[in-house]
Amino acid sequence: MVRILISYVIPLLLPTVMYFIWTVWVRRQIAANRAQVTGATGDGDEGGEITADDVEAYEIRTPWFRLILAGAGLVLVGLMLSVFFGPKNPPGSVYQPPHTEDGKVVPGQYVPKPN
């Protein structure tokens, strides 16, 4: 279960989570800048009003296709790296599939090649 989480779920969700963290940060920066500007003008009536043009100028649209593409790319890179860095069988060994011995299941393993 942990391997599936690390190999598939985290790489798929990571770009989206990072994007939403970035948008929260940007929106806070915009709000802080807007508060500085309205506080500096001293106009209680005109400076504090937010028009529809202001909202549209700072609207952040979510690029879902790019986020999905980035997540799929991270999954592919992770799977390719797992081929190179994953556990390998020792040289001269063969895979012995799971079997039963004395009524107990012995898991699959690599064993030395019989001569």
N, C-alpha and C. Protein backbone atom coordinates (compact mmCIF):
# COMPACT_ATOMS: atom_id res chain seq x y z
N MET A 1 0.82 -1.19 0.00
CA MET A 1 0.00 0.00 0.00
C MET A 1 0.87 1.26 0.00
N VAL A 2 1.95 1.24 0.78
CA VAL A 2 2.84 2.40 0.84
C VAL A 2 3.52 2.60 -0.51
N ARG A 3 3.90 1.49 -1.16
CA ARG A 3 4.55 1.58 -2.46
C ARG A 3 3.63 2.22 -3.49
N ILE A 4 2.35 1.86 -3.46
CA ILE A 4 1.38 2.44 -4.37
C ILE A 4 1.22 3.93 -4.09
N LEU A 5 1.18 4.30 -2.82
CA LEU A 5 1.05 5.69 -2.44
C LEU A 5 2.24 6.50 -2.94
N ILE A 6 3.44 5.98 -2.74
CA ILE A 6 4.65 6.69 -3.16
C ILE A 6 4.81 6.69 -4.67
N SER A 7 4.46 5.59 -5.33
CA SER A 7 4.68 5.48 -6.77
C SER A 7 3.63 6.18 -7.61
N TYR A 8 2.40 6.21 -7.16
CA TYR A 8 1.32 6.71 -8.00
C TYR A 8 0.60 7.93 -7.43
N VAL A 9 0.14 7.85 -6.21
CA VAL A 9 -0.75 8.88 -5.66
C VAL A 9 -0.01 10.19 -5.41
N ILE A 10 1.11 10.14 -4.73
CA ILE A 10 1.85 11.37 -4.41
C ILE A 10 2.31 12.09 -5.67
N PRO A 11 2.93 11.42 -6.65
CA PRO A 11 3.32 12.15 -7.86
C PRO A 11 2.14 12.74 -8.63
N LEU A 12 0.98 12.07 -8.59
CA LEU A 12 -0.17 12.62 -9.29
C LEU A 12 -0.73 13.86 -8.59
N LEU A 13 -0.72 13.86 -7.27
CA LEU A 13 -1.32 14.97 -6.52
C LEU A 13 -0.35 16.11 -6.22
N LEU A 14 0.94 15.84 -6.24
CA LEU A 14 1.93 16.84 -5.85
C LEU A 14 1.84 18.14 -6.66
N PRO A 15 1.77 18.11 -7.99
CA PRO A 15 1.67 19.39 -8.72
C PRO A 15 0.41 20.18 -8.35
N THR A 16 -0.71 19.52 -8.16
CA THR A 16 -1.94 20.21 -7.81
C THR A 16 -1.86 20.83 -6.43
N VAL A 17 -1.32 20.10 -5.47
CA VAL A 17 -1.18 20.63 -4.10
C VAL A 17 -0.23 21.83 -4.10
N MET A 18 0.89 21.72 -4.81
CA MET A 18 1.82 22.83 -4.88
C MET A 18 1.18 24.04 -5.55
N TYR A 19 0.37 23.81 -6.58
CA TYR A 19 -0.30 24.91 -7.27
C TYR A 19 -1.27 25.63 -6.33
N PHE A 20 -2.07 24.85 -5.58
CA PHE A 20 -3.03 25.48 -4.69
C PHE A 20 -2.34 26.22 -3.54
N ILE A 21 -1.22 25.73 -3.06
CA ILE A 21 -0.44 26.45 -2.05
C ILE A 21 0.06 27.77 -2.64
N TRP A 22 0.53 27.73 -3.88
CA TRP A 22 1.00 28.94 -4.54
C TRP A 22 -0.13 29.95 -4.72
N THR A 23 -1.32 29.50 -5.13
CA THR A 23 -2.43 30.43 -5.32
C THR A 23 -2.86 31.08 -4.01
N VAL A 24 -2.85 30.34 -2.91
CA VAL A 24 -3.18 30.92 -1.60
C VAL A 24 -2.16 32.00 -1.26
N TRP A 25 -0.89 31.72 -1.51
CA TRP A 25 0.15 32.70 -1.22
C TRP A 25 -0.02 33.95 -2.08
N VAL A 26 -0.30 33.76 -3.37
CA VAL A 26 -0.48 34.91 -4.27
C VAL A 26 -1.68 35.74 -3.84
N ARG A 27 -2.77 35.09 -3.50
CA ARG A 27 -3.97 35.83 -3.09
C ARG A 27 -3.72 36.62 -1.81
N ARG A 28 -2.93 36.07 -0.91
CA ARG A 28 -2.59 36.82 0.32
C ARG A 28 -1.71 38.02 0.00
N GLN A 29 -0.78 37.84 -0.94
CA GLN A 29 0.07 38.96 -1.36
C GLN A 29 -0.76 40.06 -2.00
N ILE A 30 -1.72 39.68 -2.83
CA ILE A 30 -2.59 40.66 -3.48
C ILE A 30 -3.41 41.41 -2.43
N ALA A 31 -3.96 40.68 -1.47
CA ALA A 31 -4.75 41.32 -0.42
C ALA A 31 -3.89 42.27 0.40
N ALA A 32 -2.65 41.87 0.70
CA ALA A 32 -1.75 42.74 1.47
C ALA A 32 -1.40 43.99 0.68
N ASN A 33 -1.12 43.84 -0.61
CA ASN A 33 -0.80 44.99 -1.45
C ASN A 33 -2.00 45.91 -1.58
N ARG A 34 -3.18 45.32 -1.71
CA ARG A 34 -4.39 46.11 -1.82
C ARG A 34 -4.63 46.90 -0.52
N ALA A 35 -4.35 46.28 0.62
CA ALA A 35 -4.52 46.96 1.91
C ALA A 35 -3.53 48.10 2.04
N GLN A 36 -2.29 47.92 1.56
CA GLN A 36 -1.30 48.98 1.62
C GLN A 36 -1.70 50.16 0.75
N VAL A 37 -2.22 49.86 -0.45
CA VAL A 37 -2.61 50.93 -1.37
C VAL A 37 -3.79 51.70 -0.82
N THR A 38 -4.80 51.01 -0.32
CA THR A 38 -5.98 51.70 0.20
C THR A 38 -5.64 52.46 1.47
N GLY A 39 -4.73 51.95 2.27
CA GLY A 39 -4.34 52.66 3.49
C GLY A 39 -3.49 53.88 3.19
N ALA A 40 -2.70 53.85 2.13
CA ALA A 40 -1.80 54.95 1.80
C ALA A 40 -2.54 56.12 1.18
N THR A 41 -3.64 55.88 0.46
CA THR A 41 -4.34 56.98 -0.20
C THR A 41 -5.11 57.83 0.77
N GLY A 42 -5.62 57.22 1.83
CA GLY A 42 -6.39 57.97 2.79
C GLY A 42 -7.83 58.21 2.37
N ASP A 43 -8.20 57.75 1.18
CA ASP A 43 -9.57 57.90 0.70
C ASP A 43 -10.40 56.75 1.25
N GLY A 44 -11.24 57.02 2.20
CA GLY A 44 -12.07 55.97 2.75
C GLY A 44 -13.12 55.50 1.77
N ASP A 45 -13.58 56.40 0.88
CA ASP A 45 -14.65 56.03 -0.03
C ASP A 45 -14.13 55.40 -1.31
N GLU A 46 -13.22 56.10 -1.98
CA GLU A 46 -12.80 55.64 -3.30
C GLU A 46 -11.71 54.57 -3.23
N GLY A 47 -10.78 54.70 -2.32
CA GLY A 47 -9.65 53.78 -2.29
C GLY A 47 -10.02 52.39 -1.83
N GLY A 48 -11.03 52.25 -0.99
CA GLY A 48 -11.37 50.96 -0.44
C GLY A 48 -12.32 50.14 -1.29
N GLU A 49 -12.90 50.73 -2.32
CA GLU A 49 -13.85 50.00 -3.15
C GLU A 49 -13.14 49.09 -4.12
N ILE A 50 -13.66 47.91 -4.27
CA ILE A 50 -13.11 46.95 -5.23
C ILE A 50 -14.14 46.78 -6.33
N THR A 51 -13.75 47.08 -7.54
CA THR A 51 -14.66 46.99 -8.67
C THR A 51 -14.56 45.62 -9.32
N ALA A 52 -15.46 45.33 -10.24
CA ALA A 52 -15.44 44.06 -10.97
C ALA A 52 -14.18 43.94 -11.81
N ASP A 53 -13.68 45.07 -12.32
CA ASP A 53 -12.44 45.04 -13.11
C ASP A 53 -11.25 44.60 -12.25
N ASP A 54 -11.23 45.03 -10.99
CA ASP A 54 -10.15 44.63 -10.09
C ASP A 54 -10.17 43.13 -9.84
N VAL A 55 -11.35 42.58 -9.65
CA VAL A 55 -11.47 41.15 -9.38
C VAL A 55 -11.05 40.35 -10.60
N GLU A 56 -11.48 40.76 -11.79
CA GLU A 56 -11.11 40.04 -13.01
C GLU A 56 -9.62 40.13 -13.29
N ALA A 57 -9.00 41.26 -12.93
CA ALA A 57 -7.57 41.43 -13.18
C ALA A 57 -6.74 40.46 -12.35
N TYR A 58 -7.24 40.09 -11.17
CA TYR A 58 -6.48 39.21 -10.30
C TYR A 58 -7.08 37.81 -10.20
N GLU A 59 -7.95 37.47 -11.11
CA GLU A 59 -8.56 36.14 -11.09
C GLU A 59 -7.51 35.10 -11.53
N ILE A 60 -7.42 34.05 -10.78
CA ILE A 60 -6.45 32.99 -11.08
C ILE A 60 -7.24 31.77 -11.54
N ARG A 61 -7.02 31.38 -12.78
CA ARG A 61 -7.72 30.22 -13.32
C ARG A 61 -6.85 28.99 -13.15
N THR A 62 -7.48 27.90 -12.79
CA THR A 62 -6.74 26.66 -12.54
C THR A 62 -6.45 25.94 -13.85
N PRO A 63 -5.17 25.69 -14.14
CA PRO A 63 -4.80 24.99 -15.38
C PRO A 63 -4.85 23.47 -15.19
N TRP A 64 -6.05 22.91 -15.15
CA TRP A 64 -6.21 21.49 -14.83
C TRP A 64 -5.44 20.58 -15.79
N PHE A 65 -5.48 20.86 -17.07
CA PHE A 65 -4.80 19.99 -18.03
C PHE A 65 -3.29 19.95 -17.76
N ARG A 66 -2.71 21.11 -17.50
CA ARG A 66 -1.27 21.16 -17.22
C ARG A 66 -0.93 20.44 -15.92
N LEU A 67 -1.79 20.57 -14.91
CA LEU A 67 -1.55 19.89 -13.64
C LEU A 67 -1.62 18.38 -13.80
N ILE A 68 -2.61 17.90 -14.56
CA ILE A 68 -2.72 16.46 -14.80
C ILE A 68 -1.53 15.96 -15.60
N LEU A 69 -1.11 16.74 -16.60
CA LEU A 69 0.04 16.36 -17.41
C LEU A 69 1.31 16.32 -16.56
N ALA A 70 1.49 17.30 -15.68
CA ALA A 70 2.67 17.31 -14.80
C ALA A 70 2.64 16.12 -13.85
N GLY A 71 1.48 15.78 -13.30
CA GLY A 71 1.36 14.62 -12.42
C GLY A 71 1.67 13.33 -13.14
N ALA A 72 1.13 13.18 -14.35
CA ALA A 72 1.41 11.96 -15.14
C ALA A 72 2.89 11.87 -15.49
N GLY A 73 3.50 13.02 -15.77
CA GLY A 73 4.94 13.02 -16.05
C GLY A 73 5.76 12.59 -14.84
N LEU A 74 5.37 13.06 -13.66
CA LEU A 74 6.08 12.64 -12.44
C LEU A 74 5.91 11.15 -12.17
N VAL A 75 4.72 10.62 -12.45
CA VAL A 75 4.50 9.18 -12.28
C VAL A 75 5.41 8.40 -13.22
N LEU A 76 5.49 8.82 -14.48
CA LEU A 76 6.35 8.13 -15.45
C LEU A 76 7.82 8.19 -15.05
N VAL A 77 8.26 9.35 -14.61
CA VAL A 77 9.66 9.48 -14.17
C VAL A 77 9.91 8.59 -12.97
N GLY A 78 8.98 8.56 -12.02
CA GLY A 78 9.14 7.69 -10.85
C GLY A 78 9.19 6.22 -11.21
N LEU A 79 8.34 5.80 -12.14
CA LEU A 79 8.36 4.40 -12.56
C LEU A 79 9.66 4.05 -13.30
N MET A 80 10.14 4.97 -14.13
CA MET A 80 11.41 4.71 -14.82
C MET A 80 12.58 4.63 -13.83
N LEU A 81 12.57 5.52 -12.84
CA LEU A 81 13.64 5.48 -11.84
C LEU A 81 13.57 4.22 -10.98
N SER A 82 12.36 3.72 -10.74
CA SER A 82 12.25 2.50 -9.94
C SER A 82 12.85 1.30 -10.66
N VAL A 83 12.86 1.33 -11.98
CA VAL A 83 13.50 0.24 -12.73
C VAL A 83 15.00 0.24 -12.48
N PHE A 84 15.60 1.44 -12.47
CA PHE A 84 17.04 1.53 -12.31
C PHE A 84 17.51 1.39 -10.87
N PHE A 85 16.71 1.88 -9.92
CA PHE A 85 17.14 1.89 -8.53
C PHE A 85 16.42 0.88 -7.64
N GLY A 86 15.50 0.13 -8.19
CA GLY A 86 14.76 -0.86 -7.42
C GLY A 86 15.61 -2.08 -7.11
N PRO A 87 15.11 -2.95 -6.24
CA PRO A 87 15.88 -4.14 -5.91
C PRO A 87 16.03 -5.05 -7.12
N LYS A 88 17.19 -5.62 -7.23
CA LYS A 88 17.47 -6.52 -8.35
C LYS A 88 17.88 -7.87 -7.79
N ASN A 89 17.70 -8.87 -8.60
CA ASN A 89 18.12 -10.19 -8.16
C ASN A 89 19.64 -10.31 -8.27
N PRO A 90 20.24 -11.07 -7.36
CA PRO A 90 21.69 -11.27 -7.42
C PRO A 90 22.09 -12.02 -8.69
N PRO A 91 23.29 -11.78 -9.19
CA PRO A 91 23.74 -12.50 -10.39
C PRO A 91 23.75 -14.01 -10.16
N GLY A 92 23.34 -14.74 -11.16
CA GLY A 92 23.35 -16.20 -11.07
C GLY A 92 22.23 -16.76 -10.23
N SER A 93 21.16 -16.04 -10.03
CA SER A 93 20.06 -16.55 -9.22
C SER A 93 18.80 -16.68 -10.08
N VAL A 94 17.86 -17.47 -9.60
CA VAL A 94 16.58 -17.65 -10.28
C VAL A 94 15.46 -17.35 -9.28
N TYR A 95 14.31 -16.97 -9.82
CA TYR A 95 13.17 -16.65 -8.96
C TYR A 95 12.42 -17.93 -8.63
N GLN A 96 12.18 -18.13 -7.37
CA GLN A 96 11.38 -19.27 -6.91
C GLN A 96 10.03 -18.72 -6.46
N PRO A 97 8.95 -19.07 -7.15
CA PRO A 97 7.64 -18.51 -6.80
C PRO A 97 7.16 -18.99 -5.43
N PRO A 98 6.15 -18.35 -4.88
CA PRO A 98 5.62 -18.79 -3.58
C PRO A 98 5.16 -20.25 -3.65
N HIS A 99 5.40 -20.97 -2.58
CA HIS A 99 4.99 -22.37 -2.52
C HIS A 99 4.72 -22.75 -1.06
N THR A 100 4.20 -23.94 -0.86
CA THR A 100 3.93 -24.39 0.51
C THR A 100 4.93 -25.45 0.92
N GLU A 101 5.38 -25.34 2.17
CA GLU A 101 6.26 -26.35 2.77
C GLU A 101 5.71 -26.66 4.15
N ASP A 102 5.41 -27.90 4.40
CA ASP A 102 4.86 -28.33 5.69
C ASP A 102 3.61 -27.53 6.07
N GLY A 103 2.78 -27.21 5.12
CA GLY A 103 1.54 -26.51 5.37
C GLY A 103 1.67 -25.00 5.55
N LYS A 104 2.88 -24.45 5.39
CA LYS A 104 3.09 -23.01 5.50
C LYS A 104 3.47 -22.45 4.13
N VAL A 105 3.00 -21.24 3.87
CA VAL A 105 3.31 -20.59 2.60
C VAL A 105 4.66 -19.90 2.71
N VAL A 106 5.57 -20.25 1.81
CA VAL A 106 6.88 -19.63 1.73
C VAL A 106 6.81 -18.59 0.62
N PRO A 107 7.12 -17.32 0.93
CA PRO A 107 7.00 -16.27 -0.10
C PRO A 107 8.02 -16.46 -1.22
N GLY A 108 7.73 -15.84 -2.36
CA GLY A 108 8.65 -15.91 -3.49
C GLY A 108 9.97 -15.26 -3.16
N GLN A 109 11.05 -15.79 -3.74
CA GLN A 109 12.37 -15.28 -3.43
C GLN A 109 13.34 -15.66 -4.54
N TYR A 110 14.50 -15.02 -4.54
CA TYR A 110 15.57 -15.37 -5.46
C TYR A 110 16.49 -16.36 -4.75
N VAL A 111 16.79 -17.45 -5.40
CA VAL A 111 17.66 -18.49 -4.84
C VAL A 111 18.82 -18.73 -5.80
N PRO A 112 19.94 -19.25 -5.29
CA PRO A 112 21.06 -19.55 -6.18
C PRO A 112 20.64 -20.56 -7.25
N LYS A 113 21.18 -20.38 -8.42
CA LYS A 113 20.85 -21.24 -9.55
C LYS A 113 21.40 -22.64 -9.31
N PRO A 114 20.50 -23.65 -9.42
CA PRO A 114 21.00 -25.03 -9.21
C PRO A 114 21.91 -25.44 -10.37
N ASN A 115 22.93 -26.18 -10.04
CA ASN A 115 23.88 -26.62 -11.08
C ASN A 115 23.44 -27.88 -11.74
